Protein backbone atom coordinates (compact mmCIF):
# COMPACT_ATOMS: atom_id res chain seq x y z
CA MET A 1 -149.97 47.84 -98.91
CA ALA A 2 -151.52 48.03 -96.14
CA PRO A 3 -152.29 44.55 -93.93
CA PRO A 4 -156.16 44.16 -94.40
CA ARG A 5 -158.71 45.64 -91.87
CA ALA A 6 -159.98 42.61 -90.57
CA ALA A 7 -156.03 40.56 -89.53
CA VAL A 8 -155.60 43.72 -87.82
CA ASP A 9 -158.35 43.77 -85.57
CA PHE A 10 -157.85 40.22 -85.22
CA VAL A 11 -154.33 40.38 -84.12
CA SER A 12 -156.12 42.07 -81.12
CA PHE A 13 -158.47 39.91 -80.30
CA VAL A 14 -155.88 37.13 -79.87
CA ASN A 15 -153.60 39.39 -77.23
CA ALA A 16 -156.49 39.65 -75.46
CA SER A 17 -157.64 36.49 -75.03
CA PRO A 18 -154.98 33.82 -73.96
CA THR A 19 -157.16 31.53 -72.47
CA PRO A 20 -160.88 30.67 -72.68
CA TYR A 21 -162.23 33.57 -70.53
CA HIS A 22 -160.20 35.71 -72.30
CA ALA A 23 -161.99 35.16 -74.99
CA THR A 24 -165.19 34.41 -74.27
CA ARG A 25 -164.89 38.55 -72.14
CA SER A 26 -163.17 39.96 -75.82
CA ALA A 27 -166.51 38.59 -77.80
CA ALA A 28 -168.61 39.61 -75.12
CA GLU A 29 -166.92 42.23 -76.12
CA ARG A 30 -167.66 42.95 -79.76
CA PHE A 31 -171.08 41.78 -79.32
CA GLU A 32 -172.35 44.18 -77.00
CA LYS A 33 -171.04 46.45 -79.00
CA ALA A 34 -172.89 45.60 -82.26
CA GLY A 35 -176.12 45.61 -79.89
CA PHE A 36 -176.13 42.35 -78.53
CA THR A 37 -178.33 41.33 -75.00
CA LEU A 38 -176.86 39.15 -72.52
CA ILE A 39 -178.98 36.69 -71.23
CA LYS A 40 -178.96 33.55 -68.59
CA GLU A 41 -179.88 30.54 -68.85
CA ARG A 42 -180.55 30.47 -65.39
CA ASP A 43 -183.70 32.52 -66.29
CA SER A 44 -186.82 32.58 -67.90
CA TRP A 45 -186.65 33.14 -72.04
CA ALA A 46 -190.04 33.79 -72.81
CA SER A 47 -190.86 37.19 -72.16
CA LYS A 48 -187.08 38.70 -73.20
CA LEU A 49 -186.26 37.07 -76.43
CA GLN A 50 -187.86 39.38 -79.78
CA ALA A 51 -188.26 38.59 -83.81
CA GLY A 52 -185.65 40.97 -84.90
CA GLY A 53 -183.39 40.62 -81.48
CA LYS A 54 -179.61 40.55 -80.98
CA TYR A 55 -179.12 37.71 -77.90
CA TYR A 56 -175.60 36.38 -76.32
CA LEU A 57 -174.67 34.19 -73.49
CA THR A 58 -171.48 32.35 -71.72
CA ARG A 59 -171.59 29.18 -70.09
CA ASN A 60 -168.70 29.04 -67.38
CA GLY A 61 -167.39 32.27 -68.37
CA SER A 62 -165.15 30.01 -71.57
CA SER A 63 -168.97 29.33 -73.84
CA ILE A 64 -170.04 31.46 -75.42
CA VAL A 65 -173.84 31.50 -77.97
CA ALA A 66 -174.98 34.50 -79.79
CA PHE A 67 -177.73 34.81 -81.94
CA ALA A 68 -180.03 36.97 -83.90
CA ILE A 69 -183.98 35.97 -84.46
CA GLY A 70 -185.23 36.86 -88.04
CA ARG A 71 -188.60 39.02 -87.84
CA LYS A 72 -190.09 36.45 -89.55
CA TRP A 73 -188.91 33.28 -87.31
CA ARG A 74 -191.51 30.87 -86.38
CA PRO A 75 -191.82 27.62 -84.53
CA GLY A 76 -189.22 24.46 -86.26
CA ASN A 77 -187.97 27.01 -89.04
CA PRO A 78 -184.05 26.18 -89.77
CA VAL A 79 -181.09 27.32 -87.58
CA ALA A 80 -177.74 29.34 -89.68
CA ILE A 81 -175.70 27.60 -87.01
CA VAL A 82 -170.88 28.30 -86.63
CA GLY A 83 -169.49 26.79 -84.57
CA ALA A 84 -165.67 27.42 -82.93
CA HIS A 85 -164.23 26.27 -79.55
CA THR A 86 -162.35 28.88 -78.02
CA ASP A 87 -159.56 26.91 -76.16
CA SER A 88 -155.72 26.36 -77.15
CA PRO A 89 -153.39 23.52 -75.93
CA CYS A 90 -151.57 24.56 -72.94
CA LEU A 91 -149.46 24.62 -69.50
CA ARG A 92 -151.86 24.58 -66.69
CA VAL A 93 -151.02 25.33 -63.36
CA LYS A 94 -151.59 22.71 -60.73
CA PRO A 95 -153.80 23.21 -57.53
CA VAL A 96 -150.45 22.41 -55.89
CA SER A 97 -147.85 23.95 -58.47
CA LYS A 98 -145.42 25.53 -55.48
CA LYS A 99 -141.88 23.30 -56.29
CA SER A 100 -137.96 24.52 -55.82
CA ASN A 101 -135.24 22.25 -56.91
CA VAL A 102 -131.27 22.99 -56.07
CA GLY A 103 -131.63 27.20 -55.58
CA TYR A 104 -134.70 27.47 -58.02
CA LEU A 105 -138.13 28.04 -57.51
CA GLN A 106 -140.01 26.31 -60.30
CA VAL A 107 -143.77 26.27 -60.51
CA GLY A 108 -145.67 22.84 -61.18
CA VAL A 109 -147.57 23.28 -64.80
CA GLU A 110 -149.89 20.23 -66.26
CA THR A 111 -150.15 19.49 -70.23
CA TYR A 112 -153.83 20.68 -72.25
CA GLY A 113 -154.42 18.77 -74.94
CA GLY A 114 -151.93 17.79 -77.45
CA GLY A 115 -149.42 20.96 -77.15
CA ILE A 116 -145.97 21.00 -79.59
CA TRP A 117 -144.22 20.84 -76.09
CA HIS A 118 -140.82 21.38 -76.93
CA SER A 119 -142.04 24.92 -78.35
CA TRP A 120 -142.58 25.71 -74.97
CA PHE A 121 -139.28 26.00 -73.90
CA ASP A 122 -137.20 28.87 -74.09
CA ARG A 123 -140.07 31.75 -74.40
CA ASP A 124 -140.53 34.23 -72.44
CA LEU A 125 -143.71 33.39 -70.12
CA SER A 126 -146.24 35.22 -67.93
CA ILE A 127 -150.04 33.56 -66.62
CA ALA A 128 -153.38 34.40 -66.99
CA GLY A 129 -157.04 32.51 -66.50
CA ARG A 130 -159.58 33.19 -63.42
CA VAL A 131 -159.35 33.64 -59.66
CA LEU A 132 -162.27 33.25 -57.48
CA VAL A 133 -162.10 36.01 -54.92
CA ARG A 134 -164.19 36.68 -52.16
CA ASP A 135 -165.98 39.71 -51.26
CA GLY A 136 -167.66 39.40 -48.50
CA ASP A 137 -169.83 37.03 -48.50
CA ASP A 138 -169.51 36.11 -51.68
CA PHE A 139 -167.00 34.80 -53.43
CA VAL A 140 -166.86 36.54 -57.74
CA GLN A 141 -164.40 35.71 -60.76
CA LYS A 142 -161.95 37.88 -61.83
CA LEU A 143 -159.82 37.22 -64.98
CA VAL A 144 -156.37 38.44 -64.85
CA LYS A 145 -152.80 38.36 -67.24
CA VAL A 146 -149.68 39.58 -66.38
CA ASP A 147 -148.01 41.32 -69.27
CA LYS A 148 -144.78 40.69 -68.10
CA PRO A 149 -142.34 37.56 -68.62
CA LEU A 150 -142.73 35.66 -64.79
CA LEU A 151 -141.83 32.38 -65.74
CA ARG A 152 -138.94 30.07 -68.37
CA ILE A 153 -138.86 26.76 -69.33
CA PRO A 154 -134.73 26.56 -69.71
CA THR A 155 -133.59 24.15 -72.23
CA LEU A 156 -130.45 21.99 -71.12
CA ALA A 157 -127.51 23.38 -73.29
CA ILE A 158 -125.94 21.30 -75.36
CA HIS A 159 -122.45 20.65 -74.70
CA LEU A 160 -123.83 18.85 -71.47
CA HIS A 161 -126.60 16.73 -73.93
CA ARG A 162 -126.12 15.46 -76.69
CA GLN A 163 -128.98 14.32 -78.89
CA ASN A 164 -130.47 14.19 -82.32
CA SER A 165 -134.01 14.99 -81.29
CA PHE A 166 -135.76 16.83 -78.51
CA ASP A 167 -138.10 14.98 -76.72
CA PRO A 168 -139.20 16.30 -73.20
CA ASN A 169 -140.63 14.32 -70.10
CA LYS A 170 -143.66 16.36 -69.89
CA GLU A 171 -143.53 15.62 -65.98
CA THR A 172 -139.36 16.04 -64.77
CA GLU A 173 -138.51 18.11 -68.11
CA LEU A 174 -141.16 20.53 -68.20
CA PHE A 175 -141.17 22.82 -65.03
CA PRO A 176 -140.53 26.55 -65.59
CA ILE A 177 -138.76 28.33 -62.90
CA ALA A 178 -140.14 31.66 -61.48
CA GLY A 179 -137.25 32.78 -59.48
CA LEU A 180 -134.02 31.97 -57.00
CA ALA A 181 -135.04 30.67 -53.59
CA ALA A 182 -132.92 32.95 -51.79
CA ALA A 183 -134.85 36.08 -53.43
CA GLU A 184 -137.77 33.83 -51.78
CA LEU A 185 -136.23 33.59 -48.33
CA ASN A 186 -135.43 37.15 -48.04
CA LYS A 187 -138.71 39.02 -49.32
CA GLY A 188 -140.70 39.96 -46.86
CA THR A 189 -143.93 39.62 -46.42
CA LYS A 190 -146.83 39.64 -44.37
CA THR A 191 -148.10 35.13 -43.42
CA GLU A 192 -151.39 34.35 -44.76
CA GLU A 193 -152.93 34.81 -41.09
CA GLU A 194 -151.77 38.56 -41.42
CA GLU A 195 -153.37 38.71 -45.64
CA GLU A 196 -156.51 37.04 -44.36
CA ALA A 197 -156.58 39.62 -40.94
CA ASP A 198 -157.09 42.39 -43.62
CA ALA A 199 -158.73 40.81 -46.09
CA GLY A 200 -161.35 39.40 -42.77
CA SER A 201 -161.48 36.34 -43.69
CA VAL A 202 -159.79 34.23 -40.58
CA GLU A 203 -160.73 30.88 -40.66
CA ASP A 204 -160.82 27.68 -37.70
CA PHE A 205 -161.03 25.31 -40.02
CA ARG A 206 -159.43 24.09 -43.62
CA PRO A 207 -160.84 21.67 -45.48
CA LEU A 208 -157.37 22.59 -47.67
CA GLU A 209 -154.29 23.50 -47.21
CA ARG A 210 -154.01 27.19 -47.62
CA MET A 211 -153.11 28.93 -51.11
CA THR A 212 -149.32 29.84 -49.19
CA GLU A 213 -148.75 26.88 -48.61
CA ARG A 214 -149.87 25.23 -52.23
CA HIS A 215 -147.65 28.23 -53.99
CA HIS A 216 -145.16 30.58 -53.74
CA PRO A 217 -146.12 32.91 -52.32
CA ALA A 218 -144.45 35.67 -54.51
CA LEU A 219 -146.62 34.39 -57.45
CA LEU A 220 -149.67 35.16 -55.11
CA ASP A 221 -148.35 38.27 -54.37
CA VAL A 222 -148.40 38.89 -58.19
CA LEU A 223 -152.22 38.28 -58.57
CA SER A 224 -153.37 40.13 -55.75
CA GLY A 225 -151.46 42.84 -57.18
CA GLU A 226 -152.70 42.91 -60.60
CA LEU A 227 -156.38 42.31 -58.81
CA LYS A 228 -155.83 44.97 -56.20
CA VAL A 229 -156.43 42.80 -53.86
CA GLU A 230 -155.38 41.01 -50.42
CA VAL A 231 -153.91 37.70 -51.04
CA GLY A 232 -155.51 36.54 -47.90
CA ALA A 233 -159.32 36.87 -50.20
CA ILE A 234 -157.99 34.90 -53.11
CA VAL A 235 -159.51 31.34 -52.79
CA ASP A 236 -159.02 29.26 -55.67
CA PHE A 237 -157.45 30.16 -59.50
CA GLU A 238 -157.65 28.30 -62.87
CA LEU A 239 -154.34 29.68 -64.33
CA VAL A 240 -152.52 29.16 -67.49
CA LEU A 241 -149.39 29.92 -69.12
CA TYR A 242 -148.74 32.21 -72.66
CA ASP A 243 -146.14 33.13 -74.40
CA THR A 244 -145.53 37.11 -73.52
CA GLN A 245 -144.23 38.36 -77.17
CA GLN A 246 -147.70 39.16 -79.06
CA ALA A 247 -148.95 37.72 -81.70
CA CYS A 248 -148.25 40.38 -85.31
CA ILE A 249 -148.50 41.21 -89.03
CA GLY A 250 -145.15 39.64 -90.89
CA GLY A 251 -143.60 38.34 -93.82
CA ILE A 252 -142.33 40.76 -96.60
CA HIS A 253 -145.46 42.12 -97.48
CA ASP A 254 -147.10 42.07 -94.74
CA GLU A 255 -148.65 38.98 -95.95
CA LEU A 256 -148.44 36.53 -92.49
CA ILE A 257 -149.92 36.89 -89.31
CA PHE A 258 -146.84 35.21 -86.58
CA SER A 259 -149.79 34.24 -83.49
CA PRO A 260 -150.42 32.08 -81.19
CA ARG A 261 -153.58 30.64 -80.72
CA LEU A 262 -154.40 30.41 -84.07
CA ASP A 263 -156.25 26.94 -83.91
CA ASN A 264 -158.88 27.96 -82.79
CA LEU A 265 -159.85 31.77 -81.47
CA GLY A 266 -158.95 32.38 -85.56
CA MET A 267 -162.37 30.59 -86.46
CA THR A 268 -163.90 32.35 -83.30
CA TYR A 269 -162.75 35.67 -83.92
CA CYS A 270 -164.36 35.27 -87.66
CA SER A 271 -166.95 32.76 -86.68
CA VAL A 272 -168.34 36.33 -84.24
CA MET A 273 -167.32 38.68 -86.51
CA GLY A 274 -169.95 37.14 -89.29
CA LEU A 275 -172.70 37.06 -87.37
CA ILE A 276 -171.95 40.69 -86.28
CA SER A 277 -171.02 41.36 -90.18
CA SER A 278 -174.37 39.63 -91.25
CA VAL A 279 -177.10 41.80 -89.12
CA SER A 280 -174.52 44.99 -89.07
CA ASP A 281 -177.76 46.41 -91.40
CA SER A 282 -180.90 46.93 -88.69
CA ALA A 283 -182.83 45.38 -91.86
CA SER A 284 -181.00 42.62 -92.38
CA LEU A 285 -183.27 40.33 -90.54
CA ASP A 286 -186.63 41.45 -91.92
CA ASP A 287 -187.57 39.24 -94.20
CA ASP A 288 -185.10 36.62 -92.83
CA GLU A 289 -187.31 33.30 -91.14
CA THR A 290 -184.12 32.35 -89.71
CA ILE A 291 -182.34 32.32 -86.94
CA ARG A 292 -178.68 33.04 -87.23
CA MET A 293 -176.05 31.30 -84.71
CA THR A 294 -172.41 31.85 -83.62
CA VAL A 295 -171.36 29.43 -80.60
CA CYS A 296 -167.56 29.12 -79.20
CA PHE A 297 -167.17 26.27 -77.16
CA ASP A 298 -164.27 25.90 -74.44
CA HIS A 299 -162.46 21.98 -74.39
CA GLU A 300 -162.09 21.12 -77.88
CA GLU A 301 -158.66 20.55 -77.60
CA ILE A 302 -159.17 17.45 -74.72
CA GLY A 303 -162.66 16.08 -76.67
CA SER A 304 -164.78 18.26 -75.80
CA THR A 305 -166.86 16.36 -73.00
CA SER A 306 -167.50 18.87 -69.94
CA ALA A 307 -170.51 20.84 -69.23
CA GLN A 308 -169.42 24.13 -71.11
CA GLY A 309 -167.91 21.27 -74.14
CA ALA A 310 -169.36 20.25 -77.28
CA MET A 311 -170.78 16.85 -76.41
CA SER A 312 -172.20 19.32 -72.91
CA ASN A 313 -176.00 20.01 -73.58
CA LEU A 314 -175.01 23.57 -73.95
CA LEU A 315 -176.33 23.90 -78.25
CA PRO A 316 -179.25 21.20 -77.37
CA SER A 317 -180.90 23.28 -74.72
CA VAL A 318 -180.25 26.64 -76.61
CA LEU A 319 -182.15 25.10 -79.75
CA ARG A 320 -184.77 23.22 -77.49
CA ARG A 321 -185.98 26.83 -75.85
CA LEU A 322 -185.72 28.32 -79.49
CA SER A 323 -187.16 26.43 -82.04
CA VAL A 324 -190.37 26.99 -79.28
CA LEU A 325 -190.27 30.44 -79.27
CA PRO A 326 -192.74 32.57 -80.47
CA GLY A 327 -193.06 33.05 -84.31
CA HIS A 328 -194.05 35.36 -87.04
CA ARG A 329 -196.71 37.79 -86.20
CA ASP A 330 -199.32 39.43 -87.02
CA GLU A 331 -199.96 42.81 -86.62
CA SER A 332 -203.07 44.17 -88.19
CA SER A 333 -204.78 41.05 -85.58
CA GLU A 334 -207.28 42.33 -83.16
CA GLY A 335 -205.50 42.25 -78.94
CA GLY A 336 -201.80 43.66 -81.37
CA TYR A 337 -199.83 40.80 -82.36
CA GLU A 338 -200.80 37.15 -83.52
CA ALA A 339 -198.86 33.71 -83.65
CA VAL A 340 -199.06 32.51 -87.30
CA GLY A 341 -198.55 28.92 -87.26
CA HIS A 342 -200.56 24.94 -86.50
CA GLU A 343 -202.19 24.54 -83.65
CA GLY A 344 -200.03 22.08 -81.58
CA GLU A 345 -196.81 22.56 -84.20
CA GLU A 346 -194.34 23.50 -81.18
CA SER A 347 -194.71 19.86 -80.19
CA THR A 348 -192.04 18.65 -82.79
CA ALA A 349 -190.39 22.50 -83.52
CA TYR A 350 -187.20 21.05 -81.93
CA GLU A 351 -187.18 18.09 -84.08
CA GLN A 352 -188.51 20.22 -87.11
CA SER A 353 -185.75 22.82 -86.62
CA LEU A 354 -182.90 20.08 -86.25
CA SER A 355 -183.95 18.51 -89.94
CA ARG A 356 -183.65 22.32 -90.85
CA SER A 357 -180.90 23.25 -89.53
CA PHE A 358 -176.97 23.61 -90.71
CA LEU A 359 -173.50 23.23 -88.85
CA VAL A 360 -170.90 24.71 -90.20
CA SER A 361 -167.60 23.42 -87.96
CA ALA A 362 -164.88 26.00 -88.06
CA ASP A 363 -161.83 25.10 -87.22
CA MET A 364 -158.23 25.84 -88.17
CA ALA A 365 -157.06 23.85 -91.88
CA HIS A 366 -153.59 22.81 -92.18
CA ALA A 367 -151.72 24.79 -95.16
CA VAL A 368 -148.53 23.12 -96.78
CA HIS A 369 -145.75 23.25 -95.48
CA PRO A 370 -142.97 24.27 -97.88
CA ASN A 371 -140.31 21.81 -95.90
CA TYR A 372 -142.61 19.20 -95.99
CA ALA A 373 -144.78 19.23 -98.85
CA GLY A 374 -144.46 15.01 -98.72
CA LYS A 375 -146.54 14.67 -95.69
CA TYR A 376 -149.50 15.68 -97.59
CA GLU A 377 -151.61 14.12 -100.60
CA PRO A 378 -150.44 15.67 -103.67
CA SER A 379 -153.72 16.78 -104.97
CA HIS A 380 -155.06 18.52 -101.69
CA GLN A 381 -152.63 21.29 -100.65
CA PRO A 382 -154.09 24.50 -98.92
CA ALA A 383 -152.56 27.38 -99.85
CA MET A 384 -152.44 30.80 -97.33
CA ASN A 385 -154.77 33.63 -98.46
CA LYS A 386 -156.05 31.59 -101.00
CA GLY A 387 -159.34 30.89 -99.17
CA THR A 388 -160.98 28.66 -96.30
CA VAL A 389 -160.10 25.51 -96.52
CA ILE A 390 -163.82 22.94 -96.66
CA LYS A 391 -162.10 19.50 -95.00
CA VAL A 392 -162.87 15.98 -95.88
CA ASN A 393 -162.70 12.85 -94.26
CA ALA A 394 -163.98 9.34 -95.64
CA ASN A 395 -163.77 7.82 -92.10
CA GLN A 396 -165.94 11.10 -91.04
CA ARG A 397 -163.13 12.85 -88.64
CA TYR A 398 -164.57 15.60 -90.08
CA ALA A 399 -168.43 15.59 -91.24
CA THR A 400 -168.19 17.03 -94.56
CA ASN A 401 -170.70 15.51 -97.89
CA SER A 402 -171.49 16.81 -101.08
CA PRO A 403 -174.85 18.90 -100.55
CA GLY A 404 -172.49 20.98 -97.15
CA ILE A 405 -170.18 21.29 -99.89
CA VAL A 406 -172.93 22.61 -103.04
CA LEU A 407 -173.61 25.39 -99.79
CA VAL A 408 -171.24 26.48 -98.96
CA GLN A 409 -170.30 27.14 -102.71
CA GLU A 410 -172.63 28.75 -103.03
CA CYS A 411 -172.30 30.66 -100.09
CA ALA A 412 -168.55 31.47 -100.73
CA ARG A 413 -169.53 32.59 -104.78
CA ALA A 414 -172.11 35.42 -103.65
CA ALA A 415 -169.47 36.70 -101.11
CA GLY A 416 -166.71 36.52 -104.04
CA VAL A 417 -164.48 34.49 -101.87
CA PRO A 418 -162.25 31.58 -102.72
CA LEU A 419 -162.75 28.10 -101.23
CA GLN A 420 -159.97 24.83 -100.79
CA LEU A 421 -160.43 21.81 -100.51
CA PHE A 422 -158.13 19.08 -98.07
CA VAL A 423 -158.12 15.40 -97.29
CA VAL A 424 -154.73 13.63 -95.19
CA ARG A 425 -152.79 10.96 -96.85
CA ASN A 426 -154.30 7.15 -96.36
CA ASP A 427 -150.78 7.23 -94.27
CA SER A 428 -151.30 9.68 -91.70
CA PRO A 429 -153.23 9.52 -88.72
CA CYS A 430 -156.17 12.81 -89.07
CA GLY A 431 -157.83 15.31 -86.59
CA SER A 432 -161.07 15.87 -85.63
CA THR A 433 -163.13 18.79 -84.50
CA ILE A 434 -166.22 19.57 -83.05
CA GLY A 435 -168.48 18.92 -86.04
CA PRO A 436 -168.26 15.36 -86.31
CA GLY A 437 -169.23 14.56 -82.83
CA LEU A 438 -172.47 17.89 -83.16
CA ALA A 439 -173.81 16.02 -86.38
CA ALA A 440 -173.89 13.03 -84.12
CA LYS A 441 -176.07 14.12 -81.19
CA LEU A 442 -178.32 16.49 -83.28
CA GLY A 443 -178.64 14.69 -86.47
CA MET A 444 -178.22 17.81 -88.23
CA ARG A 445 -176.60 18.64 -91.58
CA THR A 446 -172.90 20.23 -90.73
CA LEU A 447 -170.05 20.69 -92.73
CA ASP A 448 -166.23 21.29 -91.75
CA LEU A 449 -163.82 24.07 -92.80
CA GLY A 450 -161.20 26.56 -91.32
CA ASN A 451 -158.56 28.53 -92.43
CA PRO A 452 -155.34 27.21 -93.37
CA GLN A 453 -151.95 28.00 -91.21
CA LEU A 454 -148.52 26.10 -90.52
CA SER A 455 -146.97 24.55 -87.05
CA MET A 456 -150.73 23.29 -85.47
CA HIS A 457 -150.89 23.56 -81.43
CA SER A 458 -147.22 25.53 -81.57
CA ILE A 459 -146.86 28.21 -78.91
CA ARG A 460 -146.16 30.34 -82.24
CA GLU A 461 -148.18 29.97 -85.76
CA THR A 462 -148.38 30.98 -89.28
CA GLY A 463 -151.58 32.03 -91.10
CA GLY A 464 -152.45 34.09 -93.55
CA THR A 465 -154.25 38.16 -93.59
CA ALA A 466 -155.75 37.73 -96.83
CA ASP A 467 -157.77 34.77 -95.56
CA VAL A 468 -159.24 36.27 -92.10
CA ASP A 469 -161.79 38.26 -94.11
CA HIS A 470 -162.16 35.60 -96.68
CA ALA A 471 -163.45 33.53 -93.56
CA VAL A 472 -165.57 36.56 -91.90
CA LYS A 473 -167.30 37.16 -95.57
CA LEU A 474 -168.24 34.13 -95.94
CA PHE A 475 -169.69 33.66 -92.80
CA ASP A 476 -171.66 37.07 -93.22
CA GLU A 477 -172.98 35.28 -96.57
CA PHE A 478 -173.90 31.75 -95.34
CA PHE A 479 -175.87 33.88 -92.03
CA ALA A 480 -177.45 36.48 -94.71
CA SER A 481 -178.38 32.97 -97.40
CA TYR A 482 -179.29 29.63 -95.52
CA GLY A 483 -182.76 30.64 -96.21
CA GLN A 484 -183.29 31.10 -99.40
CA LEU A 485 -180.33 28.24 -100.34
CA GLU A 486 -181.77 25.45 -97.27
CA ALA A 487 -184.84 24.59 -99.81
CA LYS A 488 -182.71 24.52 -102.33
CA ILE A 489 -180.53 22.06 -101.94
CA LEU A 490 -182.23 19.52 -99.99
CA VAL A 491 -181.09 15.46 -99.57
CA ASP A 492 -183.71 13.34 -97.00
């Protein structure tokens, strides 16, 4: 039996998205194909946004917000939101990465997030990210993904260090090798002055050291070749390491996904496709009084406190601007359109929208591990391909409560998809998500959920193929039906 189409498409999405910048671009391409229009935060939206329209915006190239406006929207009405995040634990190239030792070229890296770092050893690694390039008098962002394996972090042979556990020192034992120093010395490359002369960017004064002093020239040569620019045009970059082994469908019956970055590209993909699916019928917005929104943030893995993280003003500022959009219009009015509403209502429209809206915080969940079943609370052991997992925690590490569970259960019932429940053991630590922070920041009703997976934060994770489709259908129904369900499950 062939795997679900959604799972196959998701694998393509992951393979194209080794960094948050690439994930944001991949999402934007899907929104563009579905008829969403790009808007900018720095522009006025008053004359651009229209009822029945579909729009998206990005911030920093690593966070994305997309929304569709119901044709019966009016100021203060609800917004149905699914929030996810684009980042995953990884190794990031240091600002000065040029290292060598005992004849090897090495690259300095910094840990990002809480990765299972021993899983990064003995993998075929390469680099991806964004590069700032001089283009005349301007500086432009270019994305790069080098498909060739360039780097490797080798383990020490067991003969030289017999040990019962493997806990490498992240500062001294996590440096990848990139080649041999002799090859670098014998390489006849241009000087940086020659490269900059070719690029037309020779400068007398340098606030920072040359890029060829901070990074191996061979690494810069690879980047220049990928981007088709001169080395001297490369001004700076933000690069991470990624595993070149592609995500794939696995398992005896094609029921599994073997992939990097399931946490949280799994929920990023499902939230994007859920919104797109909900507006695939052009008439779906005709009787809708809500705004349907997907937002995918950067930097969740390090606490979300950044200009493009969930704790930034990104979501509040977008909601504030949308909350006062001119509402449902009567086409029979003289002059064409007349807003329906009460005078002065716009002054509290933002607060009204927050109180009527709902956030689904979508972040991957833990599937029960067959070799460590004792680590899970016996009555809460989520299984792969058995449905999206509602995550509950009495100490508010997750923001779920009963009204939210009832709401999502009704959406799942209408969509015909299963759900599961999860709590951690009392003697176990519990991770968190963007949910509790945004719930506190916005005062918005919130629920945490995610698809079940194994090996969370490893370089290679495992999920279920059927659960991709489960979550897409669940989010599709949430967007389509929230306007009708909101008033039926109201607890002030």
